[in-house]
Amino acid sequence: MDNLDQILAGCRRKERQSQEKLYRQFYPVLFALCKNFFEEKHDILTAINNGMLRVFQNIDQYDPARGEFFNWMYTTVRNAALTLLRDRKTQHFDYVEIQDYMGFESAENPFEQLSGGDIHLYLLKLPVATRRICGLYYLDGFSIKEIVGALGISEGTVKWHLSESRAKLKIIFEKSL
């Protein structure tokens, strides 16, 4: 397998073979990332392809001194998936609005004791909208306000999904013990 630096140099020269090698090398992890946002394989692939297109178009902006390539690429693809979600006004998800009087408590992270592989298995058991918000909050470290901005939904809706994810995951965890 080619060295990542060689592949990136080829991508900077717009070589199709290098772009394909980069795409194939990171496809499994990007598929897992986008699966957190979408149910349909077509949507997952669209998000990956949109993100990788941005990676290829902006490869010259990647600065190794600022961090690892994987993190830059992962963030670029995640942002492409969020953009695709935001642009899909016709898509309907079951968002439930939570009001302040309903109470939203607990900043506990239900994933603290799990490995990466376990987390994705448990996330797949959640409804897609709840899984999406749960992943952004607990795994990607987005604040509630950042999720509101990224998905274009209300703060109460985000809080409801976080509360719902904790309740559902608690049941899932208890069954697996």
N, C-alpha and C. Protein backbone atom coordinates (compact mmCIF):
# COMPACT_ATOMS: atom_id res chain seq x y z
N MET A 1 0.85 -1.19 0.00
CA MET A 1 0.00 0.00 0.00
C MET A 1 0.88 1.24 0.00
N ASP A 2 0.45 2.23 -0.76
CA ASP A 2 1.23 3.47 -0.86
C ASP A 2 1.21 4.25 0.44
N ASN A 3 2.25 4.96 0.66
CA ASN A 3 2.39 5.84 1.80
C ASN A 3 1.38 6.98 1.67
N LEU A 4 0.78 7.40 2.78
CA LEU A 4 -0.22 8.46 2.74
C LEU A 4 0.36 9.75 2.17
N ASP A 5 1.60 10.06 2.50
CA ASP A 5 2.22 11.28 1.97
C ASP A 5 2.31 11.24 0.45
N GLN A 6 2.63 10.06 -0.10
CA GLN A 6 2.70 9.92 -1.55
C GLN A 6 1.32 10.08 -2.18
N ILE A 7 0.31 9.50 -1.54
CA ILE A 7 -1.05 9.61 -2.04
C ILE A 7 -1.51 11.06 -2.02
N LEU A 8 -1.23 11.76 -0.92
CA LEU A 8 -1.63 13.16 -0.82
C LEU A 8 -0.91 14.03 -1.87
N ALA A 9 0.37 13.73 -2.11
CA ALA A 9 1.11 14.46 -3.14
C ALA A 9 0.46 14.24 -4.51
N GLY A 10 0.04 13.02 -4.77
CA GLY A 10 -0.66 12.73 -6.03
C GLY A 10 -2.00 13.45 -6.10
N CYS A 11 -2.71 13.52 -4.99
CA CYS A 11 -4.00 14.23 -4.96
C CYS A 11 -3.79 15.72 -5.22
N ARG A 12 -2.71 16.27 -4.70
CA ARG A 12 -2.42 17.69 -4.95
C ARG A 12 -2.15 17.94 -6.44
N ARG A 13 -1.63 16.92 -7.11
CA ARG A 13 -1.37 17.03 -8.56
C ARG A 13 -2.62 16.64 -9.37
N LYS A 14 -3.73 16.37 -8.66
CA LYS A 14 -5.02 16.01 -9.28
C LYS A 14 -4.96 14.69 -10.03
N GLU A 15 -4.14 13.75 -9.55
CA GLU A 15 -4.03 12.43 -10.17
C GLU A 15 -5.20 11.57 -9.71
N ARG A 16 -5.96 11.07 -10.67
CA ARG A 16 -7.15 10.27 -10.37
C ARG A 16 -6.82 9.01 -9.58
N GLN A 17 -5.72 8.37 -9.90
CA GLN A 17 -5.35 7.13 -9.19
C GLN A 17 -5.08 7.40 -7.72
N SER A 18 -4.43 8.50 -7.42
CA SER A 18 -4.16 8.86 -6.03
C SER A 18 -5.46 9.20 -5.30
N GLN A 19 -6.35 9.90 -6.00
CA GLN A 19 -7.64 10.23 -5.40
C GLN A 19 -8.43 8.96 -5.09
N GLU A 20 -8.39 8.01 -6.02
CA GLU A 20 -9.08 6.74 -5.79
C GLU A 20 -8.47 5.98 -4.62
N LYS A 21 -7.16 5.96 -4.51
CA LYS A 21 -6.49 5.27 -3.39
C LYS A 21 -6.88 5.90 -2.06
N LEU A 22 -6.91 7.22 -2.02
CA LEU A 22 -7.30 7.92 -0.79
C LEU A 22 -8.74 7.60 -0.42
N TYR A 23 -9.61 7.65 -1.41
CA TYR A 23 -11.03 7.35 -1.20
C TYR A 23 -11.20 5.94 -0.65
N ARG A 24 -10.57 4.98 -1.29
CA ARG A 24 -10.70 3.58 -0.87
C ARG A 24 -10.08 3.33 0.50
N GLN A 25 -8.99 4.00 0.81
CA GLN A 25 -8.32 3.80 2.09
C GLN A 25 -9.20 4.23 3.26
N PHE A 26 -9.94 5.30 3.10
CA PHE A 26 -10.73 5.84 4.20
C PHE A 26 -12.23 5.57 4.07
N TYR A 27 -12.64 4.89 3.02
CA TYR A 27 -14.06 4.63 2.79
C TYR A 27 -14.75 3.96 3.98
N PRO A 28 -14.20 2.90 4.58
CA PRO A 28 -14.93 2.24 5.68
C PRO A 28 -15.24 3.17 6.85
N VAL A 29 -14.28 3.97 7.26
CA VAL A 29 -14.52 4.85 8.40
C VAL A 29 -15.47 5.99 8.03
N LEU A 30 -15.40 6.46 6.81
CA LEU A 30 -16.31 7.52 6.37
C LEU A 30 -17.73 6.98 6.21
N PHE A 31 -17.85 5.74 5.78
CA PHE A 31 -19.17 5.11 5.68
C PHE A 31 -19.79 5.01 7.08
N ALA A 32 -18.99 4.58 8.06
CA ALA A 32 -19.49 4.48 9.44
C ALA A 32 -19.90 5.85 9.96
N LEU A 33 -19.13 6.88 9.64
CA LEU A 33 -19.46 8.24 10.05
C LEU A 33 -20.80 8.67 9.48
N CYS A 34 -20.96 8.53 8.18
CA CYS A 34 -22.17 9.01 7.50
C CYS A 34 -23.39 8.15 7.82
N LYS A 35 -23.15 6.92 8.21
CA LYS A 35 -24.27 6.05 8.60
C LYS A 35 -24.93 6.57 9.88
N ASN A 36 -24.21 7.35 10.66
CA ASN A 36 -24.79 7.97 11.85
C ASN A 36 -25.81 9.05 11.49
N PHE A 37 -25.74 9.56 10.27
CA PHE A 37 -26.62 10.64 9.85
C PHE A 37 -27.76 10.19 8.95
N PHE A 38 -27.57 9.10 8.24
CA PHE A 38 -28.55 8.70 7.23
C PHE A 38 -28.87 7.21 7.34
N GLU A 39 -30.08 6.85 6.96
CA GLU A 39 -30.51 5.45 6.94
C GLU A 39 -30.23 4.81 5.59
N GLU A 40 -30.54 5.54 4.53
CA GLU A 40 -30.46 5.01 3.18
C GLU A 40 -29.01 5.01 2.67
N LYS A 41 -28.63 3.91 2.04
CA LYS A 41 -27.27 3.80 1.52
C LYS A 41 -26.97 4.89 0.49
N HIS A 42 -27.96 5.23 -0.31
CA HIS A 42 -27.78 6.28 -1.32
C HIS A 42 -27.39 7.61 -0.64
N ASP A 43 -28.06 7.94 0.45
CA ASP A 43 -27.76 9.18 1.17
C ASP A 43 -26.37 9.13 1.80
N ILE A 44 -26.01 7.96 2.35
CA ILE A 44 -24.69 7.79 2.95
C ILE A 44 -23.61 8.02 1.90
N LEU A 45 -23.78 7.40 0.74
CA LEU A 45 -22.80 7.54 -0.34
C LEU A 45 -22.74 8.96 -0.88
N THR A 46 -23.89 9.61 -0.96
CA THR A 46 -23.92 11.00 -1.41
C THR A 46 -23.13 11.88 -0.45
N ALA A 47 -23.31 11.68 0.84
CA ALA A 47 -22.57 12.47 1.83
C ALA A 47 -21.07 12.21 1.73
N ILE A 48 -20.69 10.93 1.61
CA ILE A 48 -19.26 10.61 1.48
C ILE A 48 -18.69 11.25 0.23
N ASN A 49 -19.38 11.10 -0.88
CA ASN A 49 -18.88 11.63 -2.15
C ASN A 49 -18.79 13.16 -2.14
N ASN A 50 -19.82 13.81 -1.56
CA ASN A 50 -19.76 15.27 -1.45
C ASN A 50 -18.57 15.70 -0.60
N GLY A 51 -18.37 15.00 0.51
CA GLY A 51 -17.27 15.33 1.40
C GLY A 51 -15.92 15.10 0.75
N MET A 52 -15.77 13.97 0.08
CA MET A 52 -14.48 13.67 -0.55
C MET A 52 -14.21 14.62 -1.72
N LEU A 53 -15.25 15.05 -2.39
CA LEU A 53 -15.06 16.06 -3.44
C LEU A 53 -14.49 17.34 -2.84
N ARG A 54 -15.02 17.74 -1.68
CA ARG A 54 -14.48 18.91 -0.98
C ARG A 54 -13.03 18.68 -0.58
N VAL A 55 -12.73 17.47 -0.12
CA VAL A 55 -11.35 17.14 0.26
C VAL A 55 -10.44 17.32 -0.94
N PHE A 56 -10.82 16.75 -2.08
CA PHE A 56 -9.98 16.83 -3.27
C PHE A 56 -9.85 18.28 -3.77
N GLN A 57 -10.93 19.03 -3.69
CA GLN A 57 -10.90 20.41 -4.17
C GLN A 57 -10.07 21.31 -3.26
N ASN A 58 -10.01 20.98 -1.98
CA ASN A 58 -9.35 21.83 -1.00
C ASN A 58 -8.10 21.19 -0.39
N ILE A 59 -7.55 20.20 -1.03
CA ILE A 59 -6.41 19.46 -0.49
C ILE A 59 -5.22 20.39 -0.22
N ASP A 60 -5.11 21.46 -0.99
CA ASP A 60 -4.00 22.40 -0.78
C ASP A 60 -4.16 23.20 0.52
N GLN A 61 -5.36 23.23 1.08
CA GLN A 61 -5.60 23.95 2.33
C GLN A 61 -5.20 23.13 3.55
N TYR A 62 -5.00 21.83 3.35
CA TYR A 62 -4.59 20.99 4.48
C TYR A 62 -3.16 21.35 4.88
N ASP A 63 -2.98 21.64 6.18
CA ASP A 63 -1.67 22.00 6.71
C ASP A 63 -1.27 20.97 7.76
N PRO A 64 -0.26 20.13 7.48
CA PRO A 64 0.17 19.10 8.43
C PRO A 64 0.58 19.67 9.79
N ALA A 65 1.01 20.91 9.83
CA ALA A 65 1.42 21.52 11.10
C ALA A 65 0.24 21.76 12.03
N ARG A 66 -0.96 21.80 11.47
CA ARG A 66 -2.16 22.08 12.28
C ARG A 66 -2.87 20.81 12.75
N GLY A 67 -2.44 19.65 12.29
CA GLY A 67 -3.07 18.41 12.73
C GLY A 67 -2.93 17.32 11.68
N GLU A 68 -3.42 16.16 12.05
CA GLU A 68 -3.33 15.01 11.15
C GLU A 68 -4.33 15.12 10.00
N PHE A 69 -3.94 14.54 8.88
CA PHE A 69 -4.80 14.58 7.70
C PHE A 69 -6.15 13.93 7.98
N PHE A 70 -6.14 12.79 8.68
CA PHE A 70 -7.39 12.08 8.93
C PHE A 70 -8.41 12.99 9.62
N ASN A 71 -7.97 13.74 10.62
CA ASN A 71 -8.90 14.63 11.34
C ASN A 71 -9.46 15.70 10.43
N TRP A 72 -8.62 16.25 9.57
CA TRP A 72 -9.07 17.28 8.63
C TRP A 72 -10.09 16.70 7.65
N MET A 73 -9.79 15.53 7.12
CA MET A 73 -10.68 14.88 6.16
C MET A 73 -12.00 14.49 6.83
N TYR A 74 -11.91 13.91 8.03
CA TYR A 74 -13.10 13.47 8.77
C TYR A 74 -14.03 14.66 9.02
N THR A 75 -13.46 15.77 9.44
CA THR A 75 -14.26 16.97 9.70
C THR A 75 -14.89 17.49 8.42
N THR A 76 -14.15 17.46 7.33
CA THR A 76 -14.67 17.92 6.04
C THR A 76 -15.85 17.07 5.60
N VAL A 77 -15.73 15.76 5.71
CA VAL A 77 -16.81 14.86 5.31
C VAL A 77 -18.00 15.00 6.26
N ARG A 78 -17.74 15.13 7.56
CA ARG A 78 -18.83 15.32 8.53
C ARG A 78 -19.59 16.60 8.20
N ASN A 79 -18.87 17.67 7.89
CA ASN A 79 -19.53 18.93 7.55
C ASN A 79 -20.34 18.81 6.26
N ALA A 80 -19.84 18.03 5.32
CA ALA A 80 -20.60 17.80 4.09
C ALA A 80 -21.89 17.05 4.39
N ALA A 81 -21.83 16.09 5.30
CA ALA A 81 -23.03 15.34 5.69
C ALA A 81 -24.03 16.27 6.37
N LEU A 82 -23.54 17.16 7.24
CA LEU A 82 -24.44 18.11 7.91
C LEU A 82 -25.06 19.08 6.90
N THR A 83 -24.29 19.50 5.92
CA THR A 83 -24.82 20.38 4.88
C THR A 83 -25.91 19.67 4.08
N LEU A 84 -25.68 18.42 3.75
CA LEU A 84 -26.68 17.65 3.03
C LEU A 84 -27.96 17.52 3.85
N LEU A 85 -27.83 17.29 5.14
CA LEU A 85 -29.00 17.21 6.01
C LEU A 85 -29.76 18.54 6.02
N ARG A 86 -29.04 19.61 6.18
CA ARG A 86 -29.66 20.94 6.27
C ARG A 86 -30.35 21.30 4.96
N ASP A 87 -29.77 20.87 3.84
CA ASP A 87 -30.33 21.22 2.53
C ASP A 87 -31.55 20.39 2.16
N ARG A 88 -31.77 19.33 2.86
CA ARG A 88 -32.90 18.45 2.55
C ARG A 88 -34.14 18.90 3.31
N LYS A 89 -34.75 19.94 2.82
CA LYS A 89 -35.93 20.49 3.49
C LYS A 89 -37.14 19.55 3.37
N THR A 90 -37.17 18.71 2.35
CA THR A 90 -38.31 17.85 2.13
C THR A 90 -38.27 16.60 3.00
N GLN A 91 -37.09 16.32 3.57
CA GLN A 91 -36.97 15.13 4.41
C GLN A 91 -37.66 15.39 5.73
N HIS A 92 -38.40 14.40 6.21
CA HIS A 92 -39.12 14.55 7.48
C HIS A 92 -38.57 13.56 8.49
N PHE A 93 -38.20 14.09 9.63
CA PHE A 93 -37.77 13.25 10.73
C PHE A 93 -38.67 13.54 11.91
N ASP A 94 -38.81 12.58 12.77
CA ASP A 94 -39.66 12.74 13.93
C ASP A 94 -38.91 13.48 15.03
N TYR A 95 -38.93 14.80 14.94
CA TYR A 95 -38.34 15.63 15.99
C TYR A 95 -39.45 16.00 16.95
N VAL A 96 -39.18 15.89 18.19
CA VAL A 96 -40.15 16.25 19.21
C VAL A 96 -39.59 17.43 19.98
N GLU A 97 -40.41 18.43 20.17
CA GLU A 97 -39.99 19.63 20.88
C GLU A 97 -40.09 19.40 22.38
N ILE A 98 -39.04 19.75 23.10
CA ILE A 98 -39.07 19.65 24.55
C ILE A 98 -39.14 21.07 25.10
N GLN A 99 -39.93 21.24 26.08
CA GLN A 99 -40.09 22.55 26.70
C GLN A 99 -39.27 22.60 27.99
N ASP A 100 -38.94 23.79 28.45
CA ASP A 100 -38.13 23.94 29.66
C ASP A 100 -38.80 23.29 30.87
N TYR A 101 -40.12 23.35 30.96
CA TYR A 101 -40.80 22.79 32.12
C TYR A 101 -40.72 21.25 32.15
N MET A 102 -40.38 20.64 31.03
CA MET A 102 -40.28 19.18 30.99
C MET A 102 -39.01 18.68 31.67
N GLY A 103 -38.06 19.54 31.82
CA GLY A 103 -36.83 19.17 32.52
C GLY A 103 -35.86 18.42 31.64
N PHE A 104 -34.69 18.94 31.53
CA PHE A 104 -33.61 18.27 30.80
C PHE A 104 -32.43 18.30 31.73
N GLU A 105 -32.05 17.14 32.18
CA GLU A 105 -30.95 17.05 33.13
C GLU A 105 -29.94 16.05 32.65
N SER A 106 -28.85 16.04 33.36
CA SER A 106 -27.80 15.04 33.17
C SER A 106 -26.91 15.35 31.99
N ALA A 107 -25.68 15.61 32.32
CA ALA A 107 -24.67 15.82 31.29
C ALA A 107 -23.84 14.56 31.14
N GLU A 108 -24.30 13.46 31.73
CA GLU A 108 -23.54 12.22 31.68
C GLU A 108 -23.44 11.72 30.24
N ASN A 109 -22.33 11.12 29.95
CA ASN A 109 -22.08 10.58 28.62
C ASN A 109 -22.26 9.07 28.70
N PRO A 110 -23.28 8.53 28.04
CA PRO A 110 -23.51 7.09 28.13
C PRO A 110 -22.43 6.25 27.46
N PHE A 111 -21.52 6.89 26.73
CA PHE A 111 -20.50 6.15 25.99
C PHE A 111 -19.14 6.11 26.67
N GLU A 112 -19.01 6.69 27.85
CA GLU A 112 -17.70 6.82 28.50
C GLU A 112 -16.97 5.50 28.67
N GLN A 113 -17.67 4.42 28.96
CA GLN A 113 -17.03 3.15 29.27
C GLN A 113 -16.89 2.23 28.06
N LEU A 114 -17.26 2.66 26.88
CA LEU A 114 -17.31 1.77 25.72
C LEU A 114 -16.16 2.02 24.76
N SER A 115 -15.86 1.01 23.96
CA SER A 115 -14.87 1.17 22.89
C SER A 115 -15.57 1.71 21.65
N GLY A 116 -14.77 2.16 20.67
CA GLY A 116 -15.33 2.74 19.46
C GLY A 116 -16.26 1.82 18.70
N GLY A 117 -15.89 0.55 18.59
CA GLY A 117 -16.73 -0.40 17.87
C GLY A 117 -18.07 -0.63 18.57
N ASP A 118 -18.02 -0.70 19.90
CA ASP A 118 -19.25 -0.89 20.66
C ASP A 118 -20.19 0.30 20.50
N ILE A 119 -19.63 1.49 20.50
CA ILE A 119 -20.43 2.70 20.40
C ILE A 119 -21.25 2.69 19.12
N HIS A 120 -20.62 2.36 18.00
CA HIS A 120 -21.35 2.37 16.73
C HIS A 120 -22.43 1.30 16.70
N LEU A 121 -22.21 0.17 17.32
CA LEU A 121 -23.24 -0.87 17.38
C LEU A 121 -24.45 -0.38 18.17
N TYR A 122 -24.20 0.28 19.29
CA TYR A 122 -25.31 0.80 20.10
C TYR A 122 -26.01 1.95 19.40
N LEU A 123 -25.26 2.82 18.74
CA LEU A 123 -25.88 3.93 18.03
C LEU A 123 -26.82 3.45 16.94
N LEU A 124 -26.47 2.36 16.28
CA LEU A 124 -27.31 1.85 15.19
C LEU A 124 -28.67 1.39 15.69
N LYS A 125 -28.82 1.18 16.97
CA LYS A 125 -30.11 0.76 17.54
C LYS A 125 -31.04 1.94 17.81
N LEU A 126 -30.52 3.15 17.68
CA LEU A 126 -31.33 4.34 17.90
C LEU A 126 -31.98 4.79 16.59
N PRO A 127 -33.13 5.47 16.67
CA PRO A 127 -33.71 6.05 15.45
C PRO A 127 -32.72 7.04 14.83
N VAL A 128 -32.78 7.22 13.53
CA VAL A 128 -31.77 7.98 12.81
C VAL A 128 -31.63 9.42 13.33
N ALA A 129 -32.72 10.10 13.59
CA ALA A 129 -32.63 11.49 14.05
C ALA A 129 -31.98 11.56 15.43
N THR A 130 -32.34 10.65 16.31
CA THR A 130 -31.76 10.61 17.65
C THR A 130 -30.29 10.21 17.57
N ARG A 131 -29.97 9.25 16.72
CA ARG A 131 -28.59 8.80 16.55
C ARG A 131 -27.71 9.94 16.04
N ARG A 132 -28.24 10.70 15.11
CA ARG A 132 -27.50 11.82 14.53
C ARG A 132 -27.13 12.83 15.61
N ILE A 133 -28.09 13.24 16.39
CA ILE A 133 -27.86 14.25 17.42
C ILE A 133 -26.98 13.70 18.54
N CYS A 134 -27.22 12.47 18.92
CA CYS A 134 -26.42 11.82 19.96
C CYS A 134 -24.95 11.75 19.54
N GLY A 135 -24.70 11.37 18.31
CA GLY A 135 -23.33 11.27 17.82
C GLY A 135 -22.64 12.63 17.78
N LEU A 136 -23.36 13.65 17.32
CA LEU A 136 -22.77 14.98 17.26
C LEU A 136 -22.41 15.49 18.65
N TYR A 137 -23.28 15.23 19.62
CA TYR A 137 -23.08 15.75 20.97
C TYR A 137 -22.02 14.96 21.74
N TYR A 138 -22.19 13.66 21.82
CA TYR A 138 -21.32 12.85 22.66
C TYR A 138 -20.02 12.43 21.98
N LEU A 139 -20.06 12.16 20.70
CA LEU A 139 -18.87 11.65 20.03
C LEU A 139 -18.05 12.75 19.37
N ASP A 140 -18.73 13.71 18.74
CA ASP A 140 -18.02 14.76 18.03
C ASP A 140 -17.80 16.01 18.88
N GLY A 141 -18.44 16.08 20.05
CA GLY A 141 -18.20 17.19 20.96
C GLY A 141 -18.89 18.49 20.59
N PHE A 142 -19.93 18.42 19.75
CA PHE A 142 -20.68 19.63 19.43
C PHE A 142 -21.47 20.08 20.65
N SER A 143 -21.61 21.38 20.84
CA SER A 143 -22.49 21.89 21.89
C SER A 143 -23.93 21.84 21.36
N ILE A 144 -24.87 22.03 22.25
CA ILE A 144 -26.28 22.04 21.83
C ILE A 144 -26.51 23.17 20.83
N LYS A 145 -25.94 24.32 21.10
CA LYS A 145 -26.11 25.46 20.17
C LYS A 145 -25.49 25.18 18.80
N GLU A 146 -24.37 24.48 18.77
CA GLU A 146 -23.75 24.13 17.50
C GLU A 146 -24.61 23.14 16.72
N ILE A 147 -25.24 22.21 17.42
CA ILE A 147 -26.13 21.24 16.76
C ILE A 147 -27.34 21.98 16.20
N VAL A 148 -27.89 22.91 16.98
CA VAL A 148 -29.02 23.71 16.53
C VAL A 148 -28.67 24.41 15.21
N GLY A 149 -27.49 25.02 15.17
CA GLY A 149 -27.06 25.71 13.96
C GLY A 149 -26.79 24.78 12.80
N ALA A 150 -26.19 23.63 13.09
CA ALA A 150 -25.84 22.69 12.03
C ALA A 150 -27.06 22.03 11.41
N LEU A 151 -28.04 21.69 12.22
CA LEU A 151 -29.21 20.96 11.72
C LEU A 151 -30.41 21.85 11.47
N GLY A 152 -30.38 23.08 11.95
CA GLY A 152 -31.49 23.98 11.73
C GLY A 152 -32.75 23.58 12.47
N ILE A 153 -32.58 23.06 13.68
CA ILE A 153 -33.73 22.68 14.52
C ILE A 153 -33.62 23.44 15.83
N SER A 154 -34.67 23.37 16.64
CA SER A 154 -34.68 24.15 17.88
C SER A 154 -33.84 23.49 18.97
N GLU A 155 -33.45 24.29 19.94
CA GLU A 155 -32.67 23.80 21.07
C GLU A 155 -33.46 22.76 21.86
N GLY A 156 -34.75 22.98 22.01
CA GLY A 156 -35.58 22.02 22.72
C GLY A 156 -35.62 20.66 22.04
N THR A 157 -35.62 20.66 20.73
CA THR A 157 -35.61 19.41 19.98
C THR A 157 -34.31 18.65 20.20
N VAL A 158 -33.20 19.37 20.19
CA VAL A 158 -31.91 18.74 20.44
C VAL A 158 -31.90 18.14 21.84
N LYS A 159 -32.37 18.89 22.81
CA LYS A 159 -32.39 18.40 24.20
C LYS A 159 -33.28 17.17 24.33
N TRP A 160 -34.39 17.17 23.62
CA TRP A 160 -35.28 16.00 23.70
C TRP A 160 -34.57 14.76 23.15
N HIS A 161 -33.90 14.90 22.02
CA HIS A 161 -33.20 13.76 21.43
C HIS A 161 -32.07 13.26 22.33
N LEU A 162 -31.37 14.16 22.98
CA LEU A 162 -30.32 13.73 23.90
C LEU A 162 -30.92 12.98 25.08
N SER A 163 -32.01 13.48 25.60
CA SER A 163 -32.69 12.80 26.69
C SER A 163 -33.22 11.44 26.24
N GLU A 164 -33.80 11.41 25.07
CA GLU A 164 -34.33 10.17 24.50
C GLU A 164 -33.21 9.16 24.25
N SER A 165 -32.08 9.62 23.78
CA SER A 165 -30.97 8.71 23.52
C SER A 165 -30.47 8.08 24.82
N ARG A 166 -30.38 8.87 25.86
CA ARG A 166 -29.94 8.32 27.15
C ARG A 166 -30.93 7.29 27.67
N ALA A 167 -32.22 7.58 27.55
CA ALA A 167 -33.24 6.63 28.03
C ALA A 167 -33.19 5.33 27.24
N LYS A 168 -33.11 5.43 25.92
CA LYS A 168 -33.07 4.23 25.08
C LYS A 168 -31.78 3.45 25.27
N LEU A 169 -30.66 4.16 25.37
CA LEU A 169 -29.39 3.48 25.56
C LEU A 169 -29.32 2.79 26.92
N LYS A 170 -29.94 3.37 27.91
CA LYS A 170 -29.96 2.74 29.24
C LYS A 170 -30.65 1.38 29.15
N ILE A 171 -31.76 1.33 28.45
CA ILE A 171 -32.48 0.06 28.26
C ILE A 171 -31.62 -0.92 27.47
N ILE A 172 -30.98 -0.44 26.41
CA ILE A 172 -30.13 -1.30 25.58
C ILE A 172 -28.95 -1.84 26.40
N PHE A 173 -28.32 -0.97 27.19
CA PHE A 173 -27.18 -1.39 28.02
C PHE A 173 -27.62 -2.43 29.04
N GLU A 174 -28.77 -2.20 29.67
CA GLU A 174 -29.24 -3.14 30.69
C GLU A 174 -29.54 -4.52 30.09
N LYS A 175 -30.07 -4.54 28.88
CA LYS A 175 -30.36 -5.82 28.21
C LYS A 175 -29.08 -6.56 27.84
N SER A 176 -28.02 -5.80 27.57
CA SER A 176 -26.78 -6.45 27.12
C SER A 176 -25.94 -6.98 28.29
N LEU A 177 -26.29 -6.63 29.50
CA LEU A 177 -25.50 -7.10 30.66
C LEU A 177 -25.84 -8.49 31.04
